[in-house]
Amino acid sequence: MILKTEKTLIKEVAAQDNALEQFRFDVLKGLNNTPKKLQSKYFYDKTGDTLFQQIMAMPEYYLTNCEMDIFQNKTSELANIILETDEAFDLIELGAGDGTKSAFLLKYLLDQKADFTYMPIDISANILSVLNNKLKADLPELNIICLDGEYFKMLEKAAELSSRRKVVLFLGSNIGNMEKEEALSFCRGLNTYLSPGDIVLMGFDLKKNPQIILDAYNDKAGITAAFNLNLLTRINRELNADFVVEKFEHYQTYDPLSGACRSYLISLDHQLVNIDGQSVNFEKDELIYMELSQKYSLQESEELANNSGFETINHIMDSKSWFTDVAWLSV
């Protein structure tokens, strides 16, 4: 057993304190805005991770099955894009989660004797620990370096660790959690961390029958509602708050013209909530904006690539043509 040094422990405590202070700042800033808003990246504590796994297993939540269809049945097409050159590379996955989908690609690449290191990045250290243990058991020959933190900070760290060609996975329609202006800024920022010839594989949930989309985010079992409400519980626990969770209700909308699928929490009563010594007022029926899940057309995904310095080299669809993983080349 290797014991951590006092210096390492001090650094870890300092990092935890900084993360907690940032959480406090973001929560108070968001809840004092008009309209009130909470950042969806904070959904993912240990309970949030578990609830999201349950969401992905729901019959209504088609996104997981669609992208799983691509990674399970069109693995060679994905790999051929990556292996067009024999050059060694780092496979970096942003928001890796439990790696269920990417595991098919990892196994295929290992079978092809590809020379690569897998670098999963996630804001949740808990889910990365689960992923690391799982992959070490299932794919013991895999070189893996887990990086927990913000995407761009960890991309910078990945570049410091290795100068090899980069292949970045951004799956699960994570790009859809950003407003379109934010998505453009993100993609431009992502490109600054890459070199010409590097590749991005990005998942886009495509516009389709509006009811199919709405049902995916408003399941009858109430798991998505519990996932959203859990953030209030996390704020209570970590920021000494006194939200009465039962006084809030999940509400979902989808606009088929813009492709914006938005989730909210509604205050069911006039109430005053204390958060780490500060009071936040909620009017009856006041909304907290929780998350966007933006849907795209193929043309919109290509426009995003062109406007952020990438060239679309391929798009791979699931069998229903509901979802696509698009391959972009950094130019």
C-alpha atoms as a PDB file:
ATOM      1  CA  MET A   1       0.000   0.000   0.000  1.00  0.00           C
ATOM      2  CA  ILE A   2       1.413   3.425  -0.990  1.00  0.00           C
ATOM      3  CA  LEU A   3       0.704   6.134   1.585  1.00  0.00           C
ATOM      4  CA  LYS A   4       0.073   9.668   0.381  1.00  0.00           C
ATOM      5  CA  THR A   5       2.612  12.262   1.461  1.00  0.00           C
ATOM      6  CA  GLU A   6       1.540  15.211   3.597  1.00  0.00           C
ATOM      7  CA  LYS A   7       2.231  17.541   0.637  1.00  0.00           C
ATOM      8  CA  THR A   8      -0.076  15.504  -1.617  1.00  0.00           C
ATOM      9  CA  LEU A   9      -2.834  15.506   1.005  1.00  0.00           C
ATOM     10  CA  ILE A  10      -2.540  19.285   1.458  1.00  0.00           C
ATOM     11  CA  LYS A  11      -2.860  19.775  -2.330  1.00  0.00           C
ATOM     12  CA  GLU A  12      -5.927  17.529  -2.454  1.00  0.00           C
ATOM     13  CA  VAL A  13      -7.618  19.383   0.408  1.00  0.00           C
ATOM     14  CA  ALA A  14      -6.819  22.738  -1.241  1.00  0.00           C
ATOM     15  CA  ALA A  15      -8.296  21.522  -4.547  1.00  0.00           C
ATOM     16  CA  GLN A  16     -11.460  20.341  -2.755  1.00  0.00           C
ATOM     17  CA  ASP A  17     -11.759  23.695  -0.968  1.00  0.00           C
ATOM     18  CA  ASN A  18     -11.376  25.573  -4.269  1.00  0.00           C
ATOM     19  CA  ALA A  19     -14.003  23.391  -5.948  1.00  0.00           C
ATOM     20  CA  LEU A  20     -16.435  23.948  -3.062  1.00  0.00           C
ATOM     21  CA  GLU A  21     -15.864  27.708  -3.166  1.00  0.00           C
ATOM     22  CA  GLN A  22     -16.489  27.731  -6.930  1.00  0.00           C
ATOM     23  CA  PHE A  23     -19.672  25.693  -6.406  1.00  0.00           C
ATOM     24  CA  ARG A  24     -20.849  28.199  -3.778  1.00  0.00           C
ATOM     25  CA  PHE A  25     -20.064  31.158  -6.040  1.00  0.00           C
ATOM     26  CA  ASP A  26     -21.831  29.650  -9.068  1.00  0.00           C
ATOM     27  CA  VAL A  27     -24.930  28.644  -7.084  1.00  0.00           C
ATOM     28  CA  LEU A  28     -25.375  32.029  -5.401  1.00  0.00           C
ATOM     29  CA  LYS A  29     -24.680  33.939  -8.608  1.00  0.00           C
ATOM     30  CA  GLY A  30     -27.114  31.787 -10.581  1.00  0.00           C
ATOM     31  CA  LEU A  31     -29.911  32.004  -8.016  1.00  0.00           C
ATOM     32  CA  ASN A  32     -29.569  35.784  -7.757  1.00  0.00           C
ATOM     33  CA  ASN A  33     -29.907  36.167 -11.532  1.00  0.00           C
ATOM     34  CA  THR A  34     -33.140  36.904 -13.360  1.00  0.00           C
ATOM     35  CA  PRO A  35     -34.236  34.341 -14.369  1.00  0.00           C
ATOM     36  CA  LYS A  36     -32.681  32.081 -11.765  1.00  0.00           C
ATOM     37  CA  LYS A  37     -30.306  29.450 -13.146  1.00  0.00           C
ATOM     38  CA  LEU A  38     -28.201  26.517 -11.926  1.00  0.00           C
ATOM     39  CA  GLN A  39     -25.353  24.974 -13.931  1.00  0.00           C
ATOM     40  CA  SER A  40     -26.073  21.449 -15.119  1.00  0.00           C
ATOM     41  CA  LYS A  41     -22.445  20.388 -14.605  1.00  0.00           C
ATOM     42  CA  TYR A  42     -23.228  20.256 -10.877  1.00  0.00           C
ATOM     43  CA  PHE A  43     -25.836  17.507 -11.342  1.00  0.00           C
ATOM     44  CA  TYR A  44     -23.090  14.909 -11.048  1.00  0.00           C
ATOM     45  CA  ASP A  45     -22.403  14.082  -7.446  1.00  0.00           C
ATOM     46  CA  LYS A  46     -22.471  10.404  -6.427  1.00  0.00           C
ATOM     47  CA  THR A  47     -26.281  10.286  -6.351  1.00  0.00           C
ATOM     48  CA  GLY A  48     -26.488  12.265  -9.589  1.00  0.00           C
ATOM     49  CA  ASP A  49     -24.147   9.809 -11.291  1.00  0.00           C
ATOM     50  CA  THR A  50     -26.375   6.910 -10.217  1.00  0.00           C
ATOM     51  CA  LEU A  51     -29.552   8.656 -11.356  1.00  0.00           C
ATOM     52  CA  PHE A  52     -28.019   9.485 -14.725  1.00  0.00           C
ATOM     53  CA  GLN A  53     -27.119   5.829 -15.222  1.00  0.00           C
ATOM     54  CA  GLN A  54     -30.798   5.060 -14.588  1.00  0.00           C
ATOM     55  CA  ILE A  55     -31.860   7.751 -17.070  1.00  0.00           C
ATOM     56  CA  MET A  56     -29.656   6.221 -19.764  1.00  0.00           C
ATOM     57  CA  ALA A  57     -31.345   2.857 -19.163  1.00  0.00           C
ATOM     58  CA  MET A  58     -34.889   4.246 -19.515  1.00  0.00           C
ATOM     59  CA  PRO A  59     -36.866   3.084 -22.579  1.00  0.00           C
ATOM     60  CA  GLU A  60     -37.804   6.710 -23.378  1.00  0.00           C
ATOM     61  CA  TYR A  61     -34.189   7.889 -23.365  1.00  0.00           C
ATOM     62  CA  TYR A  62     -33.386   6.897 -26.947  1.00  0.00           C
ATOM     63  CA  LEU A  63     -30.047   8.768 -27.082  1.00  0.00           C
ATOM     64  CA  THR A  64     -28.061   6.031 -25.332  1.00  0.00           C
ATOM     65  CA  ASN A  65     -29.376   3.253 -27.572  1.00  0.00           C
ATOM     66  CA  CYS A  66     -28.862   5.322 -30.729  1.00  0.00           C
ATOM     67  CA  GLU A  67     -25.239   6.123 -29.996  1.00  0.00           C
ATOM     68  CA  MET A  68     -24.670   2.608 -28.657  1.00  0.00           C
ATOM     69  CA  ASP A  69     -25.939   1.369 -32.019  1.00  0.00           C
ATOM     70  CA  ILE A  70     -23.192   3.392 -33.708  1.00  0.00           C
ATOM     71  CA  PHE A  71     -20.397   2.297 -31.369  1.00  0.00           C
ATOM     72  CA  GLN A  72     -21.482  -1.341 -31.279  1.00  0.00           C
ATOM     73  CA  ASN A  73     -22.373  -1.882 -34.942  1.00  0.00           C
ATOM     74  CA  LYS A  74     -20.262   0.665 -36.802  1.00  0.00           C
ATOM     75  CA  THR A  75     -17.101   0.404 -34.746  1.00  0.00           C
ATOM     76  CA  SER A  76     -14.897  -0.270 -37.762  1.00  0.00           C
ATOM     77  CA  GLU A  77     -16.145   2.903 -39.483  1.00  0.00           C
ATOM     78  CA  LEU A  78     -15.258   4.954 -36.422  1.00  0.00           C
ATOM     79  CA  ALA A  79     -11.875   3.280 -36.106  1.00  0.00           C
ATOM     80  CA  ASN A  80     -11.035   3.732 -39.795  1.00  0.00           C
ATOM     81  CA  ILE A  81     -11.377   7.488 -39.373  1.00  0.00           C
ATOM     82  CA  ILE A  82      -8.950   7.423 -36.445  1.00  0.00           C
ATOM     83  CA  LEU A  83      -6.509   4.929 -37.985  1.00  0.00           C
ATOM     84  CA  GLU A  84      -6.193   6.583 -41.380  1.00  0.00           C
ATOM     85  CA  THR A  85      -2.546   7.142 -40.449  1.00  0.00           C
ATOM     86  CA  ASP A  86      -0.373   4.690 -38.479  1.00  0.00           C
ATOM     87  CA  GLU A  87       0.735   7.471 -36.153  1.00  0.00           C
ATOM     88  CA  ALA A  88       0.421   6.872 -32.397  1.00  0.00           C
ATOM     89  CA  PHE A  89      -2.230   8.967 -30.697  1.00  0.00           C
ATOM     90  CA  ASP A  90      -3.974   9.936 -27.481  1.00  0.00           C
ATOM     91  CA  LEU A  91      -7.692   9.149 -27.387  1.00  0.00           C
ATOM     92  CA  ILE A  92      -9.198  11.824 -25.154  1.00  0.00           C
ATOM     93  CA  GLU A  93     -12.830  11.529 -24.103  1.00  0.00           C
ATOM     94  CA  LEU A  94     -14.520  14.658 -22.735  1.00  0.00           C
ATOM     95  CA  GLY A  95     -17.240  13.815 -20.208  1.00  0.00           C
ATOM     96  CA  ALA A  96     -16.346  10.127 -20.288  1.00  0.00           C
ATOM     97  CA  GLY A  97     -18.931   8.980 -17.741  1.00  0.00           C
ATOM     98  CA  ASP A  98     -18.932   5.215 -17.327  1.00  0.00           C
ATOM     99  CA  GLY A  99     -17.422   4.622 -20.796  1.00  0.00           C
ATOM    100  CA  THR A 100     -20.067   2.074 -21.847  1.00  0.00           C
ATOM    101  CA  LYS A 101     -20.129   3.254 -25.470  1.00  0.00           C
ATOM    102  CA  SER A 102     -16.464   4.063 -25.937  1.00  0.00           C
ATOM    103  CA  ALA A 103     -15.477   0.633 -24.550  1.00  0.00           C
ATOM    104  CA  PHE A 104     -16.490  -0.921 -27.894  1.00  0.00           C
ATOM    105  CA  LEU A 105     -14.119   1.422 -29.721  1.00  0.00           C
ATOM    106  CA  LEU A 106     -11.326   0.884 -27.193  1.00  0.00           C
ATOM    107  CA  LYS A 107     -11.541  -2.900 -27.584  1.00  0.00           C
ATOM    108  CA  TYR A 108     -11.580  -2.648 -31.388  1.00  0.00           C
ATOM    109  CA  LEU A 109      -8.541  -0.358 -31.397  1.00  0.00           C
ATOM    110  CA  LEU A 110      -6.669  -2.735 -29.092  1.00  0.00           C
ATOM    111  CA  ASP A 111      -7.559  -5.663 -31.372  1.00  0.00           C
ATOM    112  CA  GLN A 112      -6.099  -3.663 -34.274  1.00  0.00           C
ATOM    113  CA  LYS A 113      -2.870  -3.230 -32.263  1.00  0.00           C
ATOM    114  CA  ALA A 114      -3.263   0.551 -32.358  1.00  0.00           C
ATOM    115  CA  ASP A 115      -0.662   2.503 -30.393  1.00  0.00           C
ATOM    116  CA  PHE A 116      -2.645   4.836 -28.162  1.00  0.00           C
ATOM    117  CA  THR A 117      -3.333   6.015 -24.634  1.00  0.00           C
ATOM    118  CA  TYR A 118      -6.897   6.537 -23.442  1.00  0.00           C
ATOM    119  CA  MET A 119      -7.378   9.751 -21.453  1.00  0.00           C
ATOM    120  CA  PRO A 120     -10.926  10.063 -20.073  1.00  0.00           C
ATOM    121  CA  ILE A 121     -11.815  13.508 -18.728  1.00  0.00           C
ATOM    122  CA  ASP A 122     -14.756  14.093 -16.397  1.00  0.00           C
ATOM    123  CA  ILE A 123     -15.704  16.607 -13.734  1.00  0.00           C
ATOM    124  CA  SER A 124     -16.791  13.689 -11.518  1.00  0.00           C
ATOM    125  CA  ALA A 125     -13.822  11.998  -9.856  1.00  0.00           C
ATOM    126  CA  ASN A 126     -16.255   9.348  -8.604  1.00  0.00           C
ATOM    127  CA  ILE A 127     -17.356   8.230 -12.067  1.00  0.00           C
ATOM    128  CA  LEU A 128     -13.733   8.239 -13.290  1.00  0.00           C
ATOM    129  CA  SER A 129     -12.792   5.920 -10.441  1.00  0.00           C
ATOM    130  CA  VAL A 130     -15.609   3.567 -11.464  1.00  0.00           C
ATOM    131  CA  LEU A 131     -14.507   3.764 -15.117  1.00  0.00           C
ATOM    132  CA  ASN A 132     -10.848   3.159 -14.292  1.00  0.00           C
ATOM    133  CA  ASN A 133     -11.620   0.055 -12.236  1.00  0.00           C
ATOM    134  CA  LYS A 134     -13.972  -1.287 -14.886  1.00  0.00           C
ATOM    135  CA  LEU A 135     -11.544  -0.835 -17.772  1.00  0.00           C
ATOM    136  CA  LYS A 136      -8.591  -2.267 -15.855  1.00  0.00           C
ATOM    137  CA  ALA A 137     -10.672  -5.391 -15.257  1.00  0.00           C
ATOM    138  CA  ASP A 138     -12.130  -5.654 -18.791  1.00  0.00           C
ATOM    139  CA  LEU A 139      -9.190  -4.365 -20.872  1.00  0.00           C
ATOM    140  CA  PRO A 140      -6.047  -4.895 -18.767  1.00  0.00           C
ATOM    141  CA  GLU A 141      -3.757  -4.100 -21.717  1.00  0.00           C
ATOM    142  CA  LEU A 142      -5.234  -0.598 -22.113  1.00  0.00           C
ATOM    143  CA  ASN A 143      -3.021   2.371 -21.264  1.00  0.00           C
ATOM    144  CA  ILE A 144      -5.266   4.744 -19.332  1.00  0.00           C
ATOM    145  CA  ILE A 145      -4.716   8.113 -17.660  1.00  0.00           C
ATOM    146  CA  CYS A 146      -7.787   9.567 -15.884  1.00  0.00           C
ATOM    147  CA  LEU A 147      -8.071  13.354 -15.696  1.00  0.00           C
ATOM    148  CA  ASP A 148     -10.751  14.825 -13.439  1.00  0.00           C
ATOM    149  CA  GLY A 149     -11.573  18.486 -13.917  1.00  0.00           C
ATOM    150  CA  GLU A 150     -12.796  21.066 -16.422  1.00  0.00           C
ATOM    151  CA  TYR A 151     -12.457  20.078 -20.082  1.00  0.00           C
ATOM    152  CA  PHE A 152     -10.008  22.713 -21.294  1.00  0.00           C
ATOM    153  CA  LYS A 153      -7.814  22.597 -18.195  1.00  0.00           C
ATOM    154  CA  MET A 154      -7.523  18.853 -18.593  1.00  0.00           C
ATOM    155  CA  LEU A 155      -6.890  19.151 -22.350  1.00  0.00           C
ATOM    156  CA  GLU A 156      -4.009  21.426 -21.479  1.00  0.00           C
ATOM    157  CA  LYS A 157      -2.743  18.836 -19.004  1.00  0.00           C
ATOM    158  CA  ALA A 158      -3.113  16.098 -21.640  1.00  0.00           C
ATOM    159  CA  ALA A 159      -0.966  18.166 -24.020  1.00  0.00           C
ATOM    160  CA  GLU A 160       1.662  18.534 -21.292  1.00  0.00           C
ATOM    161  CA  LEU A 161       1.690  14.774 -20.729  1.00  0.00           C
ATOM    162  CA  SER A 162       2.030  13.867 -24.403  1.00  0.00           C
ATOM    163  CA  SER A 163       2.783  15.560 -27.732  1.00  0.00           C
ATOM    164  CA  ARG A 164       1.206  12.780 -29.789  1.00  0.00           C
ATOM    165  CA  ARG A 165      -1.648  13.240 -32.237  1.00  0.00           C
ATOM    166  CA  LYS A 166      -4.965  13.857 -30.492  1.00  0.00           C
ATOM    167  CA  VAL A 167      -8.328  12.207 -31.155  1.00  0.00           C
ATOM    168  CA  VAL A 168     -11.027  13.818 -29.021  1.00  0.00           C
ATOM    169  CA  LEU A 169     -14.366  12.138 -28.285  1.00  0.00           C
ATOM    170  CA  PHE A 170     -17.249  14.396 -27.245  1.00  0.00           C
ATOM    171  CA  LEU A 171     -20.166  11.991 -27.198  1.00  0.00           C
ATOM    172  CA  GLY A 172     -23.705  11.683 -25.887  1.00  0.00           C
ATOM    173  CA  SER A 173     -24.847  15.000 -27.375  1.00  0.00           C
ATOM    174  CA  ASN A 174     -22.936  16.893 -24.677  1.00  0.00           C
ATOM    175  CA  ILE A 175     -22.610  19.738 -27.171  1.00  0.00           C
ATOM    176  CA  GLY A 176     -26.391  20.022 -26.852  1.00  0.00           C
ATOM    177  CA  ASN A 177     -26.067  21.224 -23.254  1.00  0.00           C
ATOM    178  CA  MET A 178     -24.791  24.553 -24.590  1.00  0.00           C
ATOM    179  CA  GLU A 179     -26.646  27.464 -26.142  1.00  0.00           C
ATOM    180  CA  LYS A 180     -25.692  27.745 -29.813  1.00  0.00           C
ATOM    181  CA  GLU A 181     -23.442  30.757 -29.149  1.00  0.00           C
ATOM    182  CA  GLU A 182     -21.765  28.848 -26.313  1.00  0.00           C
ATOM    183  CA  ALA A 183     -21.351  25.787 -28.559  1.00  0.00           C
ATOM    184  CA  LEU A 184     -19.586  27.909 -31.181  1.00  0.00           C
ATOM    185  CA  SER A 185     -17.312  29.442 -28.543  1.00  0.00           C
ATOM    186  CA  PHE A 186     -16.612  25.982 -27.075  1.00  0.00           C
ATOM    187  CA  CYS A 187     -15.738  24.454 -30.457  1.00  0.00           C
ATOM    188  CA  ARG A 188     -13.465  27.356 -31.316  1.00  0.00           C
ATOM    189  CA  GLY A 189     -11.810  26.986 -27.922  1.00  0.00           C
ATOM    190  CA  LEU A 190     -11.455  23.240 -28.407  1.00  0.00           C
ATOM    191  CA  ASN A 191      -9.701  23.824 -31.711  1.00  0.00           C
ATOM    192  CA  THR A 192      -7.071  26.020 -30.044  1.00  0.00           C
ATOM    193  CA  TYR A 193      -5.942  22.982 -28.016  1.00  0.00           C
ATOM    194  CA  LEU A 194      -5.536  20.875 -31.151  1.00  0.00           C
ATOM    195  CA  SER A 195      -3.078  20.779 -34.038  1.00  0.00           C
ATOM    196  CA  PRO A 196      -3.818  20.470 -37.764  1.00  0.00           C
ATOM    197  CA  GLY A 197      -4.633  16.824 -38.465  1.00  0.00           C
ATOM    198  CA  ASP A 198      -6.125  16.138 -35.025  1.00  0.00           C
ATOM    199  CA  ILE A 199      -9.622  14.660 -35.051  1.00  0.00           C
ATOM    200  CA  VAL A 200     -12.807  15.267 -33.068  1.00  0.00           C
ATOM    201  CA  LEU A 201     -15.675  12.765 -32.946  1.00  0.00           C
ATOM    202  CA  MET A 202     -18.728  14.669 -31.710  1.00  0.00           C
ATOM    203  CA  GLY A 203     -22.220  13.347 -30.986  1.00  0.00           C
ATOM    204  CA  PHE A 204     -25.274  15.269 -32.168  1.00  0.00           C
ATOM    205  CA  ASP A 205     -28.849  14.408 -31.310  1.00  0.00           C
ATOM    206  CA  LEU A 206     -30.826  15.194 -34.443  1.00  0.00           C
ATOM    207  CA  LYS A 207     -34.199  16.925 -34.799  1.00  0.00           C
ATOM    208  CA  LYS A 208     -37.020  14.387 -35.066  1.00  0.00           C
ATOM    209  CA  ASN A 209     -40.626  13.835 -33.972  1.00  0.00           C
ATOM    210  CA  PRO A 210     -41.100  16.365 -31.116  1.00  0.00           C
ATOM    211  CA  GLN A 211     -42.992  13.929 -28.868  1.00  0.00           C
ATOM    212  CA  ILE A 212     -40.121  11.417 -28.968  1.00  0.00           C
ATOM    213  CA  ILE A 213     -37.760  14.135 -27.772  1.00  0.00           C
ATOM    214  CA  LEU A 214     -40.072  15.469 -25.056  1.00  0.00           C
ATOM    215  CA  ASP A 215     -40.749  11.981 -23.662  1.00  0.00           C
ATOM    216  CA  ALA A 216     -37.008  11.338 -23.345  1.00  0.00           C
ATOM    217  CA  TYR A 217     -36.663  14.227 -20.878  1.00  0.00           C
ATOM    218  CA  ASN A 218     -39.993  13.840 -19.093  1.00  0.00           C
ATOM    219  CA  ASP A 219     -40.166  10.130 -18.263  1.00  0.00           C
ATOM    220  CA  LYS A 220     -43.225   8.697 -16.525  1.00  0.00           C
ATOM    221  CA  ALA A 221     -41.128   7.101 -13.778  1.00  0.00           C
ATOM    222  CA  GLY A 222     -39.877  10.537 -12.682  1.00  0.00           C
ATOM    223  CA  ILE A 223     -36.172   9.672 -12.833  1.00  0.00           C
ATOM    224  CA  THR A 224     -35.290  12.845 -14.766  1.00  0.00           C
ATOM    225  CA  ALA A 225     -37.248  14.882 -12.214  1.00  0.00           C
ATOM    226  CA  ALA A 226     -35.306  13.211  -9.381  1.00  0.00           C
ATOM    227  CA  PHE A 227     -32.036  13.924 -11.238  1.00  0.00           C
ATOM    228  CA  ASN A 228     -32.838  17.643 -11.452  1.00  0.00           C
ATOM    229  CA  LEU A 229     -34.130  17.877  -7.882  1.00  0.00           C
ATOM    230  CA  ASN A 230     -31.034  16.090  -6.552  1.00  0.00           C
ATOM    231  CA  LEU A 231     -29.025  19.249  -7.226  1.00  0.00           C
ATOM    232  CA  LEU A 232     -31.057  21.005  -4.519  1.00  0.00           C
ATOM    233  CA  THR A 233     -30.198  18.156  -2.138  1.00  0.00           C
ATOM    234  CA  ARG A 234     -26.518  18.538  -3.040  1.00  0.00           C
ATOM    235  CA  ILE A 235     -26.680  22.281  -2.335  1.00  0.00           C
ATOM    236  CA  ASN A 236     -28.279  21.514   1.050  1.00  0.00           C
ATOM    237  CA  ARG A 237     -25.516  19.063   1.918  1.00  0.00           C
ATOM    238  CA  GLU A 238     -22.468  20.931   0.651  1.00  0.00           C
ATOM    239  CA  LEU A 239     -23.498  24.562   1.127  1.00  0.00           C
ATOM    240  CA  ASN A 240     -25.487  24.362   4.379  1.00  0.00           C
ATOM    241  CA  ALA A 241     -28.725  25.257   2.583  1.00  0.00           C
ATOM    242  CA  ASP A 242     -32.297  24.511   3.597  1.00  0.00           C
ATOM    243  CA  PHE A 243     -34.154  23.819   0.348  1.00  0.00           C
ATOM    244  CA  VAL A 244     -37.389  21.905   0.955  1.00  0.00           C
ATOM    245  CA  VAL A 245     -37.100  19.746  -2.148  1.00  0.00           C
ATOM    246  CA  GLU A 246     -40.788  18.794  -2.074  1.00  0.00           C
ATOM    247  CA  LYS A 247     -41.638  22.459  -2.694  1.00  0.00           C
ATOM    248  CA  PHE A 248     -40.114  22.296  -6.185  1.00  0.00           C
ATOM    249  CA  GLU A 249     -41.320  20.475  -9.291  1.00  0.00           C
ATOM    250  CA  HIS A 250     -39.638  19.471 -12.538  1.00  0.00           C
ATOM    251  CA  TYR A 251     -40.972  21.014 -15.774  1.00  0.00           C
ATOM    252  CA  GLN A 252     -39.843  20.186 -19.331  1.00  0.00           C
ATOM    253  CA  THR A 253     -40.328  21.953 -22.676  1.00  0.00           C
ATOM    254  CA  TYR A 254     -39.316  21.319 -26.299  1.00  0.00           C
ATOM    255  CA  ASP A 255     -39.464  23.791 -29.207  1.00  0.00           C
ATOM    256  CA  PRO A 256     -39.275  21.866 -32.509  1.00  0.00           C
ATOM    257  CA  LEU A 257     -38.475  25.027 -34.509  1.00  0.00           C
ATOM    258  CA  SER A 258     -35.341  26.009 -32.605  1.00  0.00           C
ATOM    259  CA  GLY A 259     -34.535  22.464 -31.437  1.00  0.00           C
ATOM    260  CA  ALA A 260     -34.192  23.668 -27.827  1.00  0.00           C
ATOM    261  CA  CYS A 261     -35.267  21.180 -25.136  1.00  0.00           C
ATOM    262  CA  ARG A 262     -35.171  22.965 -21.763  1.00  0.00           C
ATOM    263  CA  SER A 263     -35.699  21.768 -18.189  1.00  0.00           C
ATOM    264  CA  TYR A 264     -36.757  23.853 -15.206  1.00  0.00           C
ATOM    265  CA  LEU A 265     -37.618  23.542 -11.548  1.00  0.00           C
ATOM    266  CA  ILE A 266     -40.765  25.415 -10.446  1.00  0.00           C
ATOM    267  CA  SER A 267     -41.155  26.846  -6.947  1.00  0.00           C
ATOM    268  CA  LEU A 268     -44.558  25.602  -5.745  1.00  0.00           C
ATOM    269  CA  ASP A 269     -44.844  28.250  -3.043  1.00  0.00           C
ATOM    270  CA  HIS A 270     -43.443  31.592  -1.995  1.00  0.00           C
ATOM    271  CA  GLN A 271     -40.375  30.648   0.058  1.00  0.00           C
ATOM    272  CA  LEU A 272     -37.098  31.933   1.435  1.00  0.00           C
ATOM    273  CA  VAL A 273     -34.101  29.618   1.148  1.00  0.00           C
ATOM    274  CA  ASN A 274     -30.883  30.098   3.124  1.00  0.00           C
ATOM    275  CA  ILE A 275     -27.660  29.103   1.381  1.00  0.00           C
ATOM    276  CA  ASP A 276     -24.498  29.306   3.468  1.00  0.00           C
ATOM    277  CA  GLY A 277     -25.875  32.276   5.401  1.00  0.00           C
ATOM    278  CA  GLN A 278     -27.372  34.102   2.433  1.00  0.00           C
ATOM    279  CA  SER A 279     -31.109  34.295   1.772  1.00  0.00           C
ATOM    280  CA  VAL A 280     -32.623  33.703  -1.668  1.00  0.00           C
ATOM    281  CA  ASN A 281     -36.259  34.580  -2.297  1.00  0.00           C
ATOM    282  CA  PHE A 282     -38.503  32.420  -4.485  1.00  0.00           C
ATOM    283  CA  GLU A 283     -41.895  33.614  -5.654  1.00  0.00           C
ATOM    284  CA  LYS A 284     -44.665  31.073  -6.160  1.00  0.00           C
ATOM    285  CA  ASP A 285     -44.344  29.582  -9.695  1.00  0.00           C
ATOM    286  CA  GLU A 286     -40.886  31.124 -10.168  1.00  0.00           C
ATOM    287  CA  LEU A 287     -38.574  29.043 -12.379  1.00  0.00           C
ATOM    288  CA  ILE A 288     -35.001  27.857 -11.994  1.00  0.00           C
ATOM    289  CA  TYR A 289     -33.541  27.176 -15.433  1.00  0.00           C
ATOM    290  CA  MET A 290     -31.638  23.895 -15.117  1.00  0.00           C
ATOM    291  CA  GLU A 291     -30.496  22.526 -18.468  1.00  0.00           C
ATOM    292  CA  LEU A 292     -30.613  22.811 -22.244  1.00  0.00           C
ATOM    293  CA  SER A 293     -30.546  19.773 -24.546  1.00  0.00           C
ATOM    294  CA  GLN A 294     -30.195  21.315 -28.001  1.00  0.00           C
ATOM    295  CA  LYS A 295     -31.127  19.281 -31.077  1.00  0.00           C
ATOM    296  CA  TYR A 296     -29.425  19.836 -34.436  1.00  0.00           C
ATOM    297  CA  SER A 297     -29.905  19.180 -38.122  1.00  0.00           C
ATOM    298  CA  LEU A 298     -26.947  17.770 -40.099  1.00  0.00           C
ATOM    299  CA  GLN A 299     -26.613  21.129 -41.854  1.00  0.00           C
ATOM    300  CA  GLU A 300     -26.422  22.937 -38.510  1.00  0.00           C
ATOM    301  CA  SER A 301     -23.664  20.569 -37.325  1.00  0.00           C
ATOM    302  CA  GLU A 302     -21.660  21.268 -40.492  1.00  0.00           C
ATOM    303  CA  GLU A 303     -22.108  25.014 -40.061  1.00  0.00           C
ATOM    304  CA  LEU A 304     -20.817  24.704 -36.491  1.00  0.00           C
ATOM    305  CA  ALA A 305     -17.730  22.845 -37.749  1.00  0.00           C
ATOM    306  CA  ASN A 306     -16.988  25.379 -40.491  1.00  0.00           C
ATOM    307  CA  ASN A 307     -17.441  28.354 -38.172  1.00  0.00           C
ATOM    308  CA  SER A 308     -15.072  26.951 -35.557  1.00  0.00           C
ATOM    309  CA  GLY A 309     -12.128  25.961 -37.761  1.00  0.00           C
ATOM    310  CA  PHE A 310     -12.950  22.321 -38.438  1.00  0.00           C
ATOM    311  CA  GLU A 311     -13.704  20.408 -41.607  1.00  0.00           C
ATOM    312  CA  THR A 312     -16.391  17.710 -41.565  1.00  0.00           C
ATOM    313  CA  ILE A 313     -14.860  14.530 -42.940  1.00  0.00           C
ATOM    314  CA  ASN A 314     -17.649  12.052 -42.170  1.00  0.00           C
ATOM    315  CA  HIS A 315     -20.861  11.519 -40.217  1.00  0.00           C
ATOM    316  CA  ILE A 316     -21.959   8.121 -38.984  1.00  0.00           C
ATOM    317  CA  MET A 317     -25.659   7.600 -38.292  1.00  0.00           C
ATOM    318  CA  ASP A 318     -27.517   5.132 -36.123  1.00  0.00           C
ATOM    319  CA  SER A 319     -29.974   2.748 -37.798  1.00  0.00           C
ATOM    320  CA  LYS A 320     -32.938   5.111 -37.187  1.00  0.00           C
ATOM    321  CA  SER A 321     -31.073   8.243 -38.345  1.00  0.00           C
ATOM    322  CA  TRP A 322     -31.988   9.872 -35.032  1.00  0.00           C
ATOM    323  CA  PHE A 323     -28.392  10.487 -33.907  1.00  0.00           C
ATOM    324  CA  THR A 324     -25.019  11.038 -35.541  1.00  0.00           C
ATOM    325  CA  ASP A 325     -21.371  10.968 -34.538  1.00  0.00           C
ATOM    326  CA  VAL A 326     -19.632  13.489 -36.760  1.00  0.00           C
ATOM    327  CA  ALA A 327     -15.904  13.351 -37.519  1.00  0.00           C
ATOM    328  CA  TRP A 328     -14.189  16.746 -37.705  1.00  0.00           C
ATOM    329  CA  LEU A 329     -10.645  17.448 -38.826  1.00  0.00           C
ATOM    330  CA  SER A 330      -8.744  20.312 -37.249  1.00  0.00           C
ATOM    331  CA  VAL A 331      -7.407  22.495 -40.095  1.00  0.00           C
END
